Amino acid sequence: MSSPANYGDHQLSIYVQGMFQNTRPEITTDLSRLESQAAASLSAEAMGYIVPSAGSGSTARANLAAFDRWRLVPRMLRGSTERDLSCTILGTKMPAPVLIAPIGVQTLAHPDGELATARAANALGLTYTHSTQASHSFEQIEADSKWYQLYWPTDRDVCLSFLQRAKHNGYSVLVVTLDTGTIGWRPADLDRGFLPFLTGVGLANYFTDPAFQAKLAKPIEEDPTAAVMHWAQMFPNVGLGWDELSFLRDNWDGPIVLKGITSVDDAKLAAEHGVDGLVVSNHGGRQVDGAIAALDALPAIADAVGEQVTILFDSGVRTGSDAAKALALGAKAVLLGRPFLYGLALAGQAGVEHVLRCLLAELDLTLALSGYANHRELNRTSVVPA
């Protein structure tokens, strides 16, 4: 699907439909309100898994508060009739500096899960990132631009098989999540005793994997419980060390990105170990309660290693304005998480497309009204601390 001349033109189509066709958006265009609107469409278990975060939720709250502590500084009489949001990130050409973040178990939000999300991203030409914990396998995802996010299993045979399947199926960049060596303390799930993986949901990549299947005494359909327990033995991997990154480099010939970096020291170590990119992220606050807000960590990391590795960002991005702030503080692109999942819950693929179009339109208009012809012109002088 072709993009408008400017993403911000999307708002005119909304006004035209409202004024002349009496058609108004069924899903809010205020992306900060998506969570409350989606709550009516999600089961208590799904809402409990998707929305809350580790412990008291203080890290997730800190993520949002961090965006409020920065203010854009619009400049006048230097705008552009046309904006160019295109970019190339780690060899991947993109129409805008926005990617779909890897989120597992998307069937909790909608029966089509990751299939609908990938189709929506593809409709806008955006890059979809496939989670290891997805409800659909590598092979089922149809998208022209896709990256693969690895939860590094303790079984190297399975890890190698995952890498091979991802490469064979057209995933161009490997995103290794480091902050989830095991699941964080999540009271909303614990109080319900709810972990979807224990029923096999979110394990499609494992259950379709030949290396995984080879370790089972019986076929999965004959003993699904044994298959789940085998997954449970290889998912926690808190013993990983920096020296093990060489295994990935030996077995993946594309760019490698480390996700979950909030420490400057870790960012420097990543650069020393030759990785290609970092995602400054605290997993949306889902892992460590009381951790540093991802946006607070971004500027120092960008200053330390931004010339050596590609800096990406997620955790707390809800709006186009949020995205602009992260780009100004050093990110080359942002990954969008929960907001698209709320759109998925509300209207499947169409809901994800709505969220993406709104975010891109708001980002575009934020640039235009702040005096920038493209996001690459954003820099530290574009924002000030509140």
Protein backbone atom coordinates (compact mmCIF):
# COMPACT_ATOMS: atom_id res chain seq x y z
CA MET A 1 0.00 0.00 0.00
CA SER A 2 1.43 3.36 -0.99
CA SER A 3 2.07 6.00 1.65
CA PRO A 4 0.64 9.53 1.52
CA ALA A 5 2.86 12.40 0.44
CA ASN A 6 3.17 13.17 4.13
CA TYR A 7 2.02 10.85 6.89
CA GLY A 8 0.32 13.83 8.52
CA ASP A 9 -2.13 13.96 5.60
CA HIS A 10 -3.90 11.06 7.31
CA GLN A 11 -5.65 13.52 9.61
CA LEU A 12 -7.31 15.27 6.67
CA SER A 13 -8.82 11.97 5.51
CA ILE A 14 -10.24 11.48 9.01
CA TYR A 15 -11.79 14.95 8.97
CA VAL A 16 -13.22 14.43 5.47
CA GLN A 17 -14.81 11.12 6.44
CA GLY A 18 -16.26 12.71 9.54
CA MET A 19 -17.64 15.81 7.87
CA PHE A 20 -18.92 14.39 4.58
CA GLN A 21 -19.43 10.67 5.19
CA ASN A 22 -20.52 10.83 8.83
CA THR A 23 -17.85 8.24 9.62
CA ARG A 24 -15.72 8.64 12.70
CA PRO A 25 -12.84 6.50 13.95
CA GLU A 26 -14.04 3.54 16.00
CA ILE A 27 -10.68 3.46 17.74
CA THR A 28 -9.43 6.60 19.46
CA THR A 29 -6.78 8.70 17.74
CA ASP A 30 -5.41 9.65 21.19
CA LEU A 31 -2.87 6.86 21.44
CA SER A 32 -2.36 7.49 25.15
CA ARG A 33 -6.00 6.36 25.67
CA LEU A 34 -5.73 3.06 23.82
CA GLU A 35 -5.17 1.03 26.95
CA SER A 36 -8.45 2.09 28.56
CA GLN A 37 -10.37 1.51 25.32
CA ALA A 38 -8.83 -1.93 24.79
CA ALA A 39 -9.63 -3.01 28.33
CA ALA A 40 -13.24 -3.65 27.32
CA SER A 41 -12.10 -6.07 24.60
CA LEU A 42 -9.55 -8.06 26.59
CA SER A 43 -10.17 -10.86 29.06
CA ALA A 44 -8.99 -10.32 32.62
CA GLU A 45 -6.15 -12.80 32.03
CA ALA A 46 -5.06 -11.11 28.80
CA MET A 47 -5.29 -7.66 30.34
CA GLY A 48 -3.31 -8.88 33.33
CA TYR A 49 -0.57 -10.28 31.12
CA ILE A 50 -0.32 -7.43 28.60
CA VAL A 51 -0.69 -4.29 30.69
CA PRO A 52 0.84 -4.67 34.17
CA SER A 53 4.55 -4.82 34.78
CA ALA A 54 6.99 -6.17 37.32
CA GLY A 55 6.38 -5.67 41.01
CA SER A 56 4.60 -2.44 41.87
CA GLY A 57 4.78 -1.21 38.28
CA SER A 58 7.15 1.60 39.16
CA THR A 59 9.43 1.01 36.17
CA ALA A 60 6.56 1.24 33.71
CA ARG A 61 5.39 4.44 35.40
CA ALA A 62 8.94 5.80 35.28
CA ASN A 63 9.06 5.14 31.53
CA LEU A 64 6.04 7.36 30.96
CA ALA A 65 7.17 10.01 33.42
CA ALA A 66 10.54 10.24 31.68
CA PHE A 67 8.87 11.40 28.47
CA ASP A 68 7.08 14.13 30.40
CA ARG A 69 10.42 15.37 31.72
CA TRP A 70 11.51 16.34 28.21
CA ARG A 71 9.89 19.09 26.16
CA LEU A 72 10.20 19.73 22.46
CA VAL A 73 11.35 23.19 21.38
CA PRO A 74 9.53 24.09 18.13
CA ARG A 75 11.40 26.29 15.68
CA MET A 76 9.61 28.70 13.34
CA LEU A 77 9.93 29.75 9.68
CA ARG A 78 12.03 26.77 8.68
CA GLY A 79 9.41 24.17 7.87
CA SER A 80 9.10 22.06 4.76
CA THR A 81 6.12 21.31 2.57
CA GLU A 82 7.21 17.69 2.34
CA ARG A 83 8.83 15.62 5.06
CA ASP A 84 11.07 12.64 4.48
CA LEU A 85 10.94 10.06 7.25
CA SER A 86 12.71 7.33 5.31
CA CYS A 87 15.85 5.72 6.70
CA THR A 88 18.04 2.66 6.49
CA ILE A 89 18.58 0.84 9.77
CA LEU A 90 21.18 -1.95 9.83
CA GLY A 91 20.75 -2.49 6.12
CA THR A 92 16.95 -2.48 6.25
CA LYS A 93 15.27 0.28 4.25
CA MET A 94 12.32 1.77 6.11
CA PRO A 95 9.73 4.42 5.20
CA ALA A 96 9.88 5.78 8.75
CA PRO A 97 12.01 5.23 11.87
CA VAL A 98 9.37 3.02 13.50
CA LEU A 99 9.44 -0.77 13.89
CA ILE A 100 7.06 -3.29 15.42
CA ALA A 101 8.54 -4.43 18.71
CA PRO A 102 8.70 -8.16 19.40
CA ILE A 103 5.76 -9.17 21.60
CA GLY A 104 4.87 -12.78 22.29
CA VAL A 105 1.55 -14.53 22.69
CA GLN A 106 -0.33 -12.01 20.57
CA THR A 107 -3.29 -14.38 20.32
CA LEU A 108 -4.15 -13.18 23.81
CA ALA A 109 -5.22 -9.93 22.13
CA HIS A 110 -6.78 -11.37 18.94
CA PRO A 111 -7.14 -14.86 17.41
CA ASP A 112 -4.99 -13.87 14.42
CA GLY A 113 -2.20 -12.70 16.70
CA GLU A 114 1.15 -12.11 15.02
CA LEU A 115 -0.29 -12.87 11.58
CA ALA A 116 -2.49 -9.76 11.73
CA THR A 117 0.30 -7.61 13.15
CA ALA A 118 2.73 -8.65 10.42
CA ARG A 119 0.13 -7.95 7.72
CA ALA A 120 -0.54 -4.51 9.19
CA ALA A 121 3.16 -3.65 9.31
CA ASN A 122 3.53 -4.88 5.75
CA ALA A 123 0.64 -2.72 4.59
CA LEU A 124 2.57 0.36 5.71
CA GLY A 125 5.98 -0.96 4.67
CA LEU A 126 7.19 -1.11 8.27
CA THR A 127 9.48 -3.75 9.72
CA TYR A 128 7.91 -6.48 11.84
CA THR A 129 9.95 -8.17 14.59
CA HIS A 130 8.99 -11.76 15.37
CA SER A 131 9.19 -12.97 18.96
CA THR A 132 10.59 -16.35 19.94
CA GLN A 133 7.52 -16.67 22.19
CA ALA A 134 5.06 -16.10 19.36
CA SER A 135 1.78 -17.96 18.88
CA HIS A 136 2.72 -18.51 15.23
CA SER A 137 5.90 -19.97 13.80
CA PHE A 138 8.67 -18.38 11.76
CA GLU A 139 7.28 -19.90 8.60
CA GLN A 140 3.77 -18.50 9.03
CA ILE A 141 4.79 -14.85 9.08
CA GLU A 142 4.27 -13.03 5.79
CA ALA A 143 6.07 -9.70 5.66
CA ASP A 144 8.47 -8.14 3.23
CA SER A 145 10.62 -6.69 6.02
CA LYS A 146 11.08 -8.74 9.17
CA TRP A 147 13.59 -9.14 11.99
CA TYR A 148 13.83 -12.00 14.48
CA GLN A 149 14.01 -11.60 18.24
CA LEU A 150 15.80 -14.41 20.09
CA TYR A 151 15.20 -15.57 23.62
CA TRP A 152 18.41 -17.53 23.91
CA PRO A 153 17.55 -21.11 24.98
CA THR A 154 19.95 -23.15 27.07
CA ASP A 155 19.85 -25.87 24.40
CA ARG A 156 22.38 -24.84 21.73
CA ASP A 157 20.90 -27.24 19.19
CA VAL A 158 17.56 -25.47 19.44
CA CYS A 159 19.24 -22.06 19.39
CA LEU A 160 21.12 -22.96 16.22
CA SER A 161 17.95 -24.32 14.63
CA PHE A 162 16.12 -21.08 15.45
CA LEU A 163 18.87 -19.05 13.78
CA GLN A 164 18.82 -21.25 10.71
CA ARG A 165 15.04 -21.13 10.38
CA ALA A 166 15.00 -17.37 10.80
CA LYS A 167 17.63 -16.87 8.12
CA HIS A 168 15.94 -19.37 5.77
CA ASN A 169 12.63 -17.56 6.13
CA GLY A 170 13.91 -14.09 5.33
CA TYR A 171 14.50 -12.50 8.74
CA SER A 172 17.37 -10.09 8.14
CA VAL A 173 18.41 -8.85 11.60
CA LEU A 174 18.84 -10.79 14.84
CA VAL A 175 17.58 -9.02 17.98
CA VAL A 176 18.78 -10.78 21.14
CA THR A 177 16.77 -9.97 24.25
CA LEU A 178 19.07 -9.99 27.27
CA ASP A 179 16.81 -8.72 30.04
CA THR A 180 14.60 -11.82 30.24
CA GLY A 181 16.89 -14.59 31.39
CA THR A 182 13.84 -15.59 33.36
CA ILE A 183 10.38 -14.09 33.84
CA GLY A 184 10.20 -11.13 36.18
CA TRP A 185 7.99 -10.98 39.30
CA ARG A 186 4.58 -10.05 37.84
CA PRO A 187 1.88 -9.95 40.54
CA ALA A 188 -1.02 -9.51 38.10
CA ASP A 189 -0.19 -12.88 36.53
CA LEU A 190 0.81 -14.50 39.82
CA ASP A 191 -2.43 -13.53 41.56
CA ARG A 192 -4.34 -15.27 38.77
CA GLY A 193 -1.88 -18.14 38.51
CA PHE A 194 -1.76 -17.37 34.80
CA LEU A 195 1.16 -18.23 32.52
CA PRO A 196 -0.05 -19.03 28.99
CA PHE A 197 3.11 -20.88 28.01
CA LEU A 198 2.25 -23.72 30.38
CA THR A 199 -0.65 -24.64 28.09
CA GLY A 200 1.56 -24.44 25.02
CA VAL A 201 0.32 -21.01 23.96
CA GLY A 202 3.19 -18.88 22.67
CA LEU A 203 5.41 -21.88 21.96
CA ALA A 204 4.77 -22.27 18.23
CA ASN A 205 8.41 -21.72 17.29
CA TYR A 206 9.52 -24.44 19.69
CA PHE A 207 6.82 -26.96 18.86
CA THR A 208 7.54 -26.69 15.13
CA ASP A 209 11.30 -26.94 15.59
CA PRO A 210 13.03 -30.20 14.54
CA ALA A 211 15.82 -29.82 17.11
CA PHE A 212 13.26 -29.31 19.88
CA GLN A 213 11.13 -32.23 18.70
CA ALA A 214 14.18 -34.50 18.55
CA LYS A 215 14.67 -34.15 22.32
CA LEU A 216 11.14 -35.41 23.14
CA ALA A 217 10.32 -39.02 23.95
CA LYS A 218 6.94 -38.75 22.25
CA PRO A 219 5.46 -36.51 19.54
CA ILE A 220 4.02 -33.29 20.91
CA GLU A 221 0.45 -34.22 20.05
CA GLU A 222 0.79 -37.40 22.12
CA ASP A 223 2.28 -35.73 25.20
CA PRO A 224 1.91 -31.94 25.07
CA THR A 225 2.63 -31.64 28.79
CA ALA A 226 6.06 -33.18 28.36
CA ALA A 227 6.75 -30.76 25.51
CA VAL A 228 5.82 -27.78 27.70
CA MET A 229 8.01 -29.06 30.53
CA HIS A 230 10.91 -29.47 28.11
CA TRP A 231 10.45 -25.83 27.06
CA ALA A 232 10.36 -24.80 30.72
CA GLN A 233 13.78 -26.39 31.21
CA MET A 234 15.41 -24.49 28.36
CA PHE A 235 13.77 -21.05 28.57
CA PRO A 236 15.38 -19.67 31.76
CA ASN A 237 18.93 -18.76 30.84
CA VAL A 238 20.28 -16.44 33.50
CA GLY A 239 23.82 -17.80 33.12
CA LEU A 240 24.67 -16.12 29.82
CA GLY A 241 27.94 -14.22 29.61
CA TRP A 242 29.52 -11.81 27.16
CA ASP A 243 31.92 -14.43 25.83
CA GLU A 244 28.99 -16.45 24.48
CA LEU A 245 28.11 -13.79 21.92
CA SER A 246 30.73 -15.35 19.66
CA PHE A 247 28.38 -18.31 19.13
CA LEU A 248 25.83 -15.99 17.57
CA ARG A 249 28.40 -14.28 15.37
CA ASP A 250 29.63 -17.68 14.20
CA ASN A 251 26.12 -18.77 13.28
CA TRP A 252 24.42 -15.58 12.07
CA ASP A 253 25.80 -13.68 9.09
CA GLY A 254 23.58 -10.60 9.43
CA PRO A 255 23.43 -7.69 11.88
CA ILE A 256 23.13 -8.54 15.57
CA VAL A 257 21.30 -6.24 17.99
CA LEU A 258 21.25 -6.56 21.78
CA LYS A 259 17.95 -5.59 23.38
CA GLY A 260 17.56 -4.61 27.02
CA ILE A 261 20.56 -2.32 27.49
CA THR A 262 20.20 0.49 30.05
CA SER A 263 23.76 0.66 31.41
CA VAL A 264 26.49 2.70 29.75
CA ASP A 265 29.04 0.09 30.83
CA ASP A 266 27.02 -2.64 29.12
CA ALA A 267 26.69 -0.51 26.01
CA LYS A 268 30.48 -0.15 25.89
CA LEU A 269 30.93 -3.90 26.37
CA ALA A 270 28.49 -4.54 23.55
CA ALA A 271 30.50 -2.26 21.26
CA GLU A 272 33.72 -4.00 22.30
CA HIS A 273 32.17 -7.36 21.39
CA GLY A 274 31.35 -6.13 17.91
CA VAL A 275 27.56 -6.10 17.94
CA ASP A 276 25.89 -3.93 15.33
CA GLY A 277 23.13 -2.32 17.37
CA LEU A 278 21.49 -1.85 20.77
CA VAL A 279 17.91 -1.43 21.84
CA VAL A 280 17.86 0.80 24.90
CA SER A 281 14.97 -0.85 26.73
CA ASN A 282 13.80 -2.11 30.10
CA HIS A 283 11.21 -4.44 28.53
CA GLY A 284 8.44 -1.95 29.11
CA GLY A 285 8.97 -2.29 32.84
CA ARG A 286 8.02 -5.97 32.80
CA GLN A 287 11.22 -7.36 34.28
CA VAL A 288 12.79 -5.32 37.09
CA ASP A 289 10.70 -3.20 39.42
CA GLY A 290 12.32 0.10 40.35
CA ALA A 291 14.68 0.14 37.34
CA ILE A 292 15.88 3.19 35.47
CA ALA A 293 13.47 4.58 32.88
CA ALA A 294 14.63 3.62 29.41
CA LEU A 295 14.48 7.21 28.16
CA ASP A 296 16.62 8.36 31.08
CA ALA A 297 19.27 5.84 30.02
CA LEU A 298 19.19 6.78 26.32
CA PRO A 299 21.23 10.02 26.11
CA ALA A 300 24.29 8.73 27.97
CA ILE A 301 24.32 5.49 25.96
CA ALA A 302 24.00 7.38 22.69
CA ASP A 303 26.88 9.65 23.73
CA ALA A 304 29.05 6.70 24.73
CA VAL A 305 28.62 4.36 21.75
CA GLY A 306 26.36 6.08 19.23
CA GLU A 307 29.22 6.45 16.75
CA GLN A 308 30.08 2.75 16.98
CA VAL A 309 26.71 0.97 17.03
CA THR A 310 23.17 1.75 15.89
CA ILE A 311 21.03 2.90 18.82
CA LEU A 312 17.36 1.92 18.85
CA PHE A 313 14.81 2.53 21.58
CA ASP A 314 11.70 1.07 23.15
CA SER A 315 9.81 1.16 26.46
CA GLY A 316 7.19 3.83 26.98
CA VAL A 317 6.66 5.06 23.41
CA ARG A 318 2.94 5.76 23.00
CA THR A 319 2.67 8.75 20.70
CA GLY A 320 4.36 10.46 17.78
CA SER A 321 5.64 13.09 20.16
CA ASP A 322 7.24 10.38 22.30
CA ALA A 323 8.95 8.99 19.22
CA ALA A 324 10.29 12.44 18.30
CA LYS A 325 11.77 12.89 21.77
CA ALA A 326 13.53 9.52 21.65
CA LEU A 327 14.92 10.33 18.21
CA ALA A 328 16.15 13.71 19.45
CA LEU A 329 17.90 12.05 22.39
CA GLY A 330 19.94 9.71 20.24
CA ALA A 331 17.83 6.83 18.88
CA LYS A 332 17.91 6.11 15.16
CA ALA A 333 14.49 4.46 15.33
CA VAL A 334 11.90 3.39 17.90
CA LEU A 335 10.13 0.10 18.45
CA LEU A 336 6.42 0.31 19.24
CA GLY A 337 5.01 -2.21 21.70
CA ARG A 338 1.82 -2.15 23.74
CA PRO A 339 -0.04 0.48 21.63
CA PHE A 340 -0.18 -1.73 18.55
CA LEU A 341 -1.27 -4.64 20.74
CA TYR A 342 -4.22 -2.58 21.97
CA GLY A 343 -5.11 -1.86 18.34
CA LEU A 344 -4.89 -5.59 17.65
CA ALA A 345 -7.28 -6.30 20.52
CA LEU A 346 -9.76 -3.72 19.28
CA ALA A 347 -9.90 -4.56 15.58
CA GLY A 348 -7.29 -7.10 14.51
CA GLN A 349 -5.17 -6.10 11.54
CA ALA A 350 -7.25 -2.98 10.90
CA GLY A 351 -6.72 -1.91 14.50
CA VAL A 352 -2.95 -2.28 14.24
CA GLU A 353 -2.96 -0.32 10.97
CA HIS A 354 -5.01 2.43 12.63
CA VAL A 355 -2.52 2.75 15.48
CA LEU A 356 0.46 2.78 13.15
CA ARG A 357 -1.08 5.37 10.83
CA CYS A 358 -1.96 7.60 13.76
CA LEU A 359 1.51 7.37 15.28
CA LEU A 360 3.20 8.08 11.95
CA ALA A 361 0.86 11.00 11.30
CA GLU A 362 1.51 12.49 14.71
CA LEU A 363 5.27 12.05 14.32
CA ASP A 364 5.14 13.71 10.91
CA LEU A 365 3.04 16.63 12.17
CA THR A 366 5.27 17.03 15.22
CA LEU A 367 8.26 17.39 12.90
CA ALA A 368 6.46 19.80 10.59
CA LEU A 369 5.24 22.02 13.41
CA SER A 370 8.66 21.98 15.08
CA GLY A 371 10.47 23.12 11.94
CA TYR A 372 12.05 19.90 10.70
CA ALA A 373 11.96 18.47 7.21
CA ASN A 374 12.91 15.02 8.50
CA HIS A 375 13.60 13.19 11.73
CA ARG A 376 17.34 13.15 11.06
CA GLU A 377 17.45 16.87 11.85
CA LEU A 378 16.35 16.24 15.42
CA ASN A 379 19.12 16.59 18.00
CA ARG A 380 19.71 17.53 21.62
CA THR A 381 18.81 21.15 20.96
CA SER A 382 15.36 19.97 19.83
CA VAL A 383 14.41 19.15 23.43
CA VAL A 384 14.93 20.60 26.89
CA PRO A 385 14.42 19.03 30.30
CA ALA A 386 11.18 20.13 31.90
